Amino acid sequence: MVIMFFFFGYQKWWAYEAERLVPFISNGPLIWWLYPEFGYQGASWFLGVAEWTFGALLFAGLLGQTSRYPRRRRFDRDLHRDRHDHSVHP
């Protein structure tokens, strides 16, 4: 999914893609304001940057997820040990 966000964001930098987005942006209920604010090419660039941002956030979450789990298991184990102070737990 991250790769697709980067590819779609890359396409928004070309005039061909900006022309193809005209019916979608001009009739979009949430993004209609992009053309008056940024113009045709600027609206396309705005969407491209937004897609790259979402892709980068997904990628950062993917990297953080792999490094976070081992520490969390250790924290849960230590928390469990402190809550139930039994000598049986290692």
Protein backbone atom coordinates (compact mmCIF):
# COMPACT_ATOMS: atom_id res chain seq x y z
CA MET A 1 0.00 0.00 0.00
CA VAL A 2 2.90 2.32 0.75
CA ILE A 3 4.34 1.78 -2.73
CA MET A 4 0.97 2.55 -4.31
CA PHE A 5 0.71 5.85 -2.40
CA PHE A 6 4.15 6.84 -3.65
CA PHE A 7 3.37 5.89 -7.26
CA PHE A 8 0.02 7.70 -7.27
CA GLY A 9 1.61 10.74 -5.63
CA TYR A 10 4.34 10.75 -8.28
CA GLN A 11 1.76 10.83 -11.07
CA LYS A 12 0.23 14.03 -9.72
CA TRP A 13 3.33 16.02 -10.71
CA TRP A 14 2.60 15.75 -14.46
CA ALA A 15 0.23 17.91 -16.51
CA TYR A 16 -1.45 14.84 -18.00
CA GLU A 17 -2.63 13.67 -14.57
CA ALA A 18 -3.69 17.21 -13.60
CA GLU A 19 -5.97 17.29 -16.66
CA ARG A 20 -7.47 13.91 -15.79
CA LEU A 21 -8.31 15.03 -12.26
CA VAL A 22 -10.46 18.00 -13.35
CA PRO A 23 -13.86 16.22 -13.17
CA PHE A 24 -13.02 14.52 -9.88
CA ILE A 25 -11.78 17.61 -8.07
CA SER A 26 -14.32 20.08 -9.45
CA ASN A 27 -17.24 17.80 -8.50
CA GLY A 28 -15.78 16.52 -5.23
CA PRO A 29 -17.74 17.61 -2.17
CA LEU A 30 -14.64 17.85 0.05
CA ILE A 31 -11.96 18.98 -2.41
CA TRP A 32 -13.81 21.44 -4.65
CA TRP A 33 -11.95 24.32 -2.99
CA LEU A 34 -8.56 23.20 -4.37
CA TYR A 35 -9.01 24.79 -7.82
CA PRO A 36 -9.94 28.29 -6.61
CA GLU A 37 -7.14 28.16 -4.05
CA PHE A 38 -4.25 26.54 -5.98
CA GLY A 39 -5.24 26.32 -9.65
CA TYR A 40 -5.22 23.13 -11.74
CA GLN A 41 -1.58 22.14 -11.42
CA GLY A 42 -1.33 23.34 -7.81
CA ALA A 43 -4.32 21.21 -6.81
CA SER A 44 -2.70 18.20 -8.42
CA TRP A 45 0.57 18.91 -6.59
CA PHE A 46 -1.36 19.30 -3.32
CA LEU A 47 -2.93 15.87 -3.76
CA GLY A 48 0.44 14.37 -4.69
CA VAL A 49 2.07 15.73 -1.55
CA ALA A 50 -0.88 14.50 0.53
CA GLU A 51 -0.51 11.00 -0.92
CA TRP A 52 3.24 11.02 -0.26
CA THR A 53 2.58 12.17 3.29
CA PHE A 54 0.11 9.35 3.93
CA GLY A 55 2.53 6.86 2.38
CA ALA A 56 5.37 8.12 4.58
CA LEU A 57 3.19 7.90 7.69
CA LEU A 58 2.22 4.34 6.82
CA PHE A 59 5.85 3.47 6.24
CA ALA A 60 6.89 5.05 9.55
CA GLY A 61 4.18 3.10 11.33
CA LEU A 62 5.38 -0.09 9.71
CA LEU A 63 8.94 0.51 10.87
CA GLY A 64 7.85 1.48 14.36
CA GLN A 65 5.64 -1.58 14.64
CA THR A 66 8.45 -4.07 14.11
CA SER A 67 10.75 -2.50 16.68
CA ARG A 68 8.07 -1.82 19.30
CA TYR A 69 6.68 -5.31 19.92
CA PRO A 70 9.66 -6.98 21.64
CA ARG A 71 9.88 -4.17 24.18
CA ARG A 72 6.15 -4.33 24.78
CA ARG A 73 6.23 -8.05 25.54
CA ARG A 74 8.98 -7.47 28.09
CA PHE A 75 6.99 -4.61 29.64
CA ASP A 76 3.86 -6.78 29.85
CA ARG A 77 5.85 -9.59 31.45
CA ASP A 78 7.35 -7.26 34.05
CA LEU A 79 3.96 -5.67 34.74
CA HIS A 80 2.42 -9.09 35.20
CA ARG A 81 5.20 -10.09 37.58
CA ASP A 82 4.69 -6.97 39.70
CA ARG A 83 0.92 -7.31 39.87
CA HIS A 84 1.04 -10.91 41.03
CA ASP A 85 3.92 -11.15 43.39
CA HIS A 86 4.31 -14.92 43.29
CA SER A 87 7.62 -16.65 43.60
CA VAL A 88 6.56 -19.15 40.89
CA HIS A 89 6.92 -16.58 38.07
CA PRO A 90 10.38 -16.41 36.52
